[in-house]
Amino acid sequence: MGGNLLKVVSVSGTRYVVEALDVSKSPPSVEVIWSKPWLIHWATQETIVKLANGYKVIRFPQLSPYGTPFPFMSFAGTNMIEKKFIKQLSNSKEYNIYN
């Protein structure tokens, strides 16, 4: 799932606490999902092909050529991820998870 958007809601030591869909509650409306693109991730495959900025990332083939979306979920509405695995982007910057 590398390269997906996250929304940081707080910090806990060396980890970011990020927003996720809470599976212990009813699903939100489609309008809410459209306004929060970090709640739907895109399945990716990181290859062994080394590039200057990391490794080549390609789409899962199941819904080619569009990619394969999946909900970013937890039992409490948040997940944690190590800060060292995050690349921060400035607002309004265009970014493509595939290279």
N, C-alpha and C. Protein backbone atom coordinates (compact mmCIF):
# COMPACT_ATOMS: atom_id res chain seq x y z
N MET A 1 0.81 -1.20 0.00
CA MET A 1 0.00 0.00 0.00
C MET A 1 0.85 1.26 0.00
N GLY A 2 2.11 1.12 -0.32
CA GLY A 2 2.99 2.27 -0.32
C GLY A 2 2.52 3.38 -1.23
N GLY A 3 2.73 4.62 -0.82
CA GLY A 3 2.40 5.78 -1.63
C GLY A 3 1.01 6.34 -1.41
N ASN A 4 0.26 5.81 -0.49
CA ASN A 4 -1.11 6.29 -0.26
C ASN A 4 -1.13 7.50 0.67
N LEU A 5 -2.22 8.26 0.57
CA LEU A 5 -2.42 9.42 1.43
C LEU A 5 -2.80 8.99 2.84
N LEU A 6 -2.36 9.75 3.83
CA LEU A 6 -2.74 9.54 5.21
C LEU A 6 -3.11 10.89 5.81
N LYS A 7 -3.99 10.87 6.81
CA LYS A 7 -4.29 12.09 7.56
C LYS A 7 -3.83 11.86 8.99
N VAL A 8 -2.81 12.61 9.39
CA VAL A 8 -2.27 12.50 10.75
C VAL A 8 -3.21 13.23 11.70
N VAL A 9 -3.65 12.52 12.75
CA VAL A 9 -4.53 13.15 13.75
C VAL A 9 -3.80 13.44 15.05
N SER A 10 -2.68 12.73 15.29
CA SER A 10 -1.86 13.02 16.47
C SER A 10 -0.53 12.27 16.32
N VAL A 11 0.34 12.47 17.31
CA VAL A 11 1.65 11.83 17.31
C VAL A 11 1.79 11.06 18.61
N SER A 12 2.38 9.87 18.51
CA SER A 12 2.64 9.05 19.69
C SER A 12 4.07 8.53 19.61
N GLY A 13 5.00 9.26 20.21
CA GLY A 13 6.41 8.87 20.16
C GLY A 13 6.96 8.91 18.75
N THR A 14 7.41 7.75 18.26
CA THR A 14 7.99 7.66 16.91
C THR A 14 6.94 7.34 15.85
N ARG A 15 5.67 7.38 16.24
CA ARG A 15 4.60 7.01 15.31
C ARG A 15 3.60 8.14 15.12
N TYR A 16 3.02 8.16 13.92
CA TYR A 16 1.87 9.01 13.65
C TYR A 16 0.61 8.21 13.89
N VAL A 17 -0.39 8.82 14.48
CA VAL A 17 -1.72 8.24 14.59
C VAL A 17 -2.50 8.81 13.41
N VAL A 18 -3.01 7.93 12.54
CA VAL A 18 -3.66 8.37 11.30
C VAL A 18 -5.11 7.93 11.26
N GLU A 19 -5.94 8.74 10.60
CA GLU A 19 -7.37 8.45 10.52
C GLU A 19 -7.63 7.24 9.63
N ALA A 20 -8.61 6.42 10.04
CA ALA A 20 -9.03 5.25 9.28
C ALA A 20 -10.55 5.09 9.42
N LEU A 21 -11.13 4.27 8.58
CA LEU A 21 -12.55 3.93 8.72
C LEU A 21 -12.71 3.05 9.95
N ASP A 22 -13.68 3.35 10.77
CA ASP A 22 -13.91 2.60 12.00
C ASP A 22 -14.91 1.48 11.72
N VAL A 23 -14.42 0.23 11.71
CA VAL A 23 -15.30 -0.90 11.38
C VAL A 23 -16.24 -1.27 12.52
N SER A 24 -16.08 -0.63 13.69
CA SER A 24 -17.01 -0.90 14.79
C SER A 24 -18.25 -0.01 14.69
N LYS A 25 -18.29 0.87 13.69
CA LYS A 25 -19.44 1.75 13.47
C LYS A 25 -20.03 1.51 12.08
N SER A 26 -21.19 2.06 11.85
CA SER A 26 -21.80 1.97 10.52
C SER A 26 -20.91 2.69 9.51
N PRO A 27 -20.90 2.22 8.26
CA PRO A 27 -20.07 2.89 7.25
C PRO A 27 -20.54 4.32 7.01
N PRO A 28 -19.59 5.22 6.72
CA PRO A 28 -19.98 6.60 6.41
C PRO A 28 -20.62 6.68 5.03
N SER A 29 -21.26 7.81 4.76
CA SER A 29 -21.88 8.01 3.45
C SER A 29 -20.81 8.17 2.37
N VAL A 30 -21.22 7.99 1.15
CA VAL A 30 -20.32 8.16 0.01
C VAL A 30 -19.77 9.59 -0.01
N GLU A 31 -20.61 10.56 0.35
CA GLU A 31 -20.17 11.96 0.38
C GLU A 31 -18.99 12.16 1.34
N VAL A 32 -19.06 11.49 2.49
CA VAL A 32 -17.95 11.59 3.45
C VAL A 32 -16.69 10.97 2.85
N ILE A 33 -16.83 9.82 2.24
CA ILE A 33 -15.67 9.15 1.63
C ILE A 33 -15.05 10.02 0.55
N TRP A 34 -15.88 10.64 -0.30
CA TRP A 34 -15.35 11.51 -1.37
C TRP A 34 -14.59 12.69 -0.80
N SER A 35 -14.98 13.16 0.37
CA SER A 35 -14.31 14.32 0.97
C SER A 35 -13.07 13.93 1.79
N LYS A 36 -12.82 12.62 1.93
CA LYS A 36 -11.68 12.14 2.71
C LYS A 36 -10.93 11.07 1.91
N PRO A 37 -10.17 11.46 0.90
CA PRO A 37 -9.52 10.48 0.03
C PRO A 37 -8.49 9.60 0.74
N TRP A 38 -8.05 9.96 1.93
CA TRP A 38 -7.10 9.14 2.68
C TRP A 38 -7.75 7.91 3.29
N LEU A 39 -9.08 7.79 3.20
CA LEU A 39 -9.76 6.60 3.74
C LEU A 39 -9.87 5.46 2.74
N ILE A 40 -9.60 5.75 1.47
CA ILE A 40 -9.57 4.70 0.44
C ILE A 40 -8.17 4.67 -0.14
N HIS A 41 -7.50 3.54 -0.02
CA HIS A 41 -6.14 3.39 -0.51
C HIS A 41 -6.14 2.62 -1.82
N TRP A 42 -4.99 2.62 -2.47
CA TRP A 42 -4.82 1.92 -3.75
C TRP A 42 -3.78 0.84 -3.56
N ALA A 43 -4.17 -0.40 -3.88
CA ALA A 43 -3.25 -1.53 -3.77
C ALA A 43 -2.11 -1.34 -4.76
N THR A 44 -0.87 -1.50 -4.29
CA THR A 44 0.29 -1.35 -5.15
C THR A 44 1.21 -2.55 -4.99
N GLN A 45 2.05 -2.74 -5.98
CA GLN A 45 3.08 -3.76 -5.92
C GLN A 45 4.43 -3.07 -6.05
N GLU A 46 5.26 -3.21 -5.04
CA GLU A 46 6.61 -2.66 -5.13
C GLU A 46 7.49 -3.74 -5.73
N THR A 47 8.19 -3.41 -6.81
CA THR A 47 9.01 -4.39 -7.52
C THR A 47 10.43 -4.40 -6.97
N ILE A 48 11.28 -5.23 -7.55
CA ILE A 48 12.69 -5.25 -7.18
C ILE A 48 13.51 -4.34 -8.09
N VAL A 49 12.84 -3.59 -8.96
CA VAL A 49 13.51 -2.67 -9.87
C VAL A 49 13.86 -1.40 -9.10
N LYS A 50 15.17 -1.15 -8.89
CA LYS A 50 15.63 0.00 -8.12
C LYS A 50 15.64 1.25 -9.00
N LEU A 51 15.06 2.34 -8.46
CA LEU A 51 15.05 3.64 -9.12
C LEU A 51 15.82 4.64 -8.25
N ALA A 52 16.03 5.82 -8.77
CA ALA A 52 16.76 6.85 -8.01
C ALA A 52 16.03 7.23 -6.73
N ASN A 53 14.69 7.17 -6.75
CA ASN A 53 13.90 7.59 -5.58
C ASN A 53 13.26 6.42 -4.83
N GLY A 54 13.74 5.22 -5.01
CA GLY A 54 13.17 4.05 -4.33
C GLY A 54 13.07 2.87 -5.29
N TYR A 55 11.92 2.21 -5.28
CA TYR A 55 11.69 1.05 -6.14
C TYR A 55 10.48 1.29 -7.04
N LYS A 56 10.47 0.65 -8.18
CA LYS A 56 9.35 0.79 -9.11
C LYS A 56 8.08 0.25 -8.46
N VAL A 57 7.00 1.03 -8.55
CA VAL A 57 5.70 0.65 -7.99
C VAL A 57 4.70 0.56 -9.13
N ILE A 58 3.94 -0.55 -9.17
CA ILE A 58 2.95 -0.75 -10.24
C ILE A 58 1.59 -1.08 -9.63
N ARG A 59 0.55 -0.98 -10.46
CA ARG A 59 -0.82 -1.26 -10.03
C ARG A 59 -1.04 -2.77 -9.87
N PHE A 60 -1.96 -3.12 -8.98
CA PHE A 60 -2.48 -4.49 -8.98
C PHE A 60 -3.27 -4.66 -10.28
N PRO A 61 -3.22 -5.80 -10.92
CA PRO A 61 -3.85 -5.95 -12.23
C PRO A 61 -5.36 -6.20 -12.22
N GLN A 62 -5.96 -6.47 -11.08
CA GLN A 62 -7.35 -6.90 -11.05
C GLN A 62 -8.31 -5.92 -11.70
N LEU A 63 -8.12 -4.63 -11.52
CA LEU A 63 -9.01 -3.63 -12.12
C LEU A 63 -8.26 -2.77 -13.13
N SER A 64 -7.29 -3.37 -13.79
CA SER A 64 -6.49 -2.65 -14.77
C SER A 64 -7.38 -2.02 -15.82
N PRO A 65 -7.12 -0.83 -16.28
CA PRO A 65 -5.94 0.00 -16.02
C PRO A 65 -6.11 0.97 -14.86
N TYR A 66 -7.15 0.84 -14.06
CA TYR A 66 -7.49 1.85 -13.06
C TYR A 66 -6.83 1.66 -11.70
N GLY A 67 -6.40 0.47 -11.38
CA GLY A 67 -5.89 0.18 -10.05
C GLY A 67 -6.96 -0.45 -9.18
N THR A 68 -6.57 -0.89 -7.99
CA THR A 68 -7.48 -1.61 -7.11
C THR A 68 -7.63 -0.85 -5.79
N PRO A 69 -8.79 -0.22 -5.55
CA PRO A 69 -9.00 0.50 -4.30
C PRO A 69 -9.34 -0.46 -3.16
N PHE A 70 -8.99 -0.06 -1.93
CA PHE A 70 -9.42 -0.82 -0.75
C PHE A 70 -9.58 0.14 0.42
N PRO A 71 -10.52 -0.12 1.30
CA PRO A 71 -10.74 0.77 2.44
C PRO A 71 -9.61 0.65 3.47
N PHE A 72 -9.21 1.78 4.02
CA PHE A 72 -8.19 1.84 5.07
C PHE A 72 -8.94 1.79 6.40
N MET A 73 -8.90 0.64 7.10
CA MET A 73 -9.80 0.40 8.23
C MET A 73 -9.06 0.08 9.53
N SER A 74 -9.80 0.26 10.63
CA SER A 74 -9.34 -0.16 11.95
C SER A 74 -10.55 -0.38 12.84
N PHE A 75 -10.33 -0.87 14.05
CA PHE A 75 -11.44 -1.07 14.98
C PHE A 75 -11.72 0.16 15.83
N ALA A 76 -10.89 1.19 15.71
CA ALA A 76 -11.10 2.38 16.54
C ALA A 76 -11.11 3.68 15.73
N GLY A 77 -10.95 3.59 14.43
CA GLY A 77 -10.95 4.80 13.61
C GLY A 77 -9.58 5.42 13.43
N THR A 78 -8.54 4.77 13.98
CA THR A 78 -7.17 5.24 13.76
C THR A 78 -6.23 4.04 13.63
N ASN A 79 -5.13 4.26 12.94
CA ASN A 79 -4.03 3.31 12.85
C ASN A 79 -2.76 4.06 13.20
N MET A 80 -1.68 3.32 13.45
CA MET A 80 -0.40 3.95 13.75
C MET A 80 0.63 3.51 12.72
N ILE A 81 1.51 4.45 12.36
CA ILE A 81 2.58 4.14 11.41
C ILE A 81 3.84 4.88 11.83
N GLU A 82 4.97 4.21 11.70
CA GLU A 82 6.25 4.82 12.06
C GLU A 82 6.51 6.05 11.20
N LYS A 83 6.96 7.12 11.84
CA LYS A 83 7.26 8.37 11.13
C LYS A 83 8.26 8.16 10.00
N LYS A 84 9.23 7.26 10.20
CA LYS A 84 10.29 7.07 9.21
C LYS A 84 9.77 6.53 7.88
N PHE A 85 8.54 6.00 7.87
CA PHE A 85 7.97 5.46 6.64
C PHE A 85 7.11 6.48 5.88
N ILE A 86 7.05 7.70 6.37
CA ILE A 86 6.17 8.73 5.81
C ILE A 86 6.98 9.78 5.07
N LYS A 87 6.47 10.19 3.91
CA LYS A 87 7.04 11.31 3.17
C LYS A 87 5.97 12.39 3.14
N GLN A 88 6.26 13.51 3.76
CA GLN A 88 5.28 14.60 3.84
C GLN A 88 5.29 15.41 2.55
N LEU A 89 4.09 15.73 2.06
CA LEU A 89 3.93 16.55 0.86
C LEU A 89 3.25 17.86 1.24
N SER A 90 3.58 18.91 0.52
CA SER A 90 2.92 20.18 0.77
C SER A 90 1.51 20.16 0.20
N ASN A 91 0.63 20.99 0.74
CA ASN A 91 -0.75 21.07 0.26
C ASN A 91 -0.77 21.44 -1.22
N SER A 92 -1.72 20.88 -1.93
CA SER A 92 -1.95 21.13 -3.35
C SER A 92 -0.88 20.55 -4.27
N LYS A 93 0.08 19.82 -3.74
CA LYS A 93 1.11 19.22 -4.59
C LYS A 93 0.54 17.97 -5.25
N GLU A 94 0.71 17.85 -6.55
CA GLU A 94 0.26 16.65 -7.25
C GLU A 94 1.25 15.53 -6.98
N TYR A 95 0.70 14.34 -6.79
CA TYR A 95 1.54 13.18 -6.47
C TYR A 95 0.94 11.95 -7.11
N ASN A 96 1.76 11.11 -7.68
CA ASN A 96 1.33 9.86 -8.30
C ASN A 96 2.02 8.72 -7.57
N ILE A 97 1.25 7.77 -7.04
CA ILE A 97 1.88 6.67 -6.27
C ILE A 97 2.60 5.69 -7.19
N TYR A 98 2.34 5.74 -8.48
CA TYR A 98 2.99 4.84 -9.42
C TYR A 98 4.15 5.55 -10.09
N ASN A 99 5.25 4.82 -10.31
CA ASN A 99 6.38 5.44 -11.01
C ASN A 99 6.85 4.57 -12.14
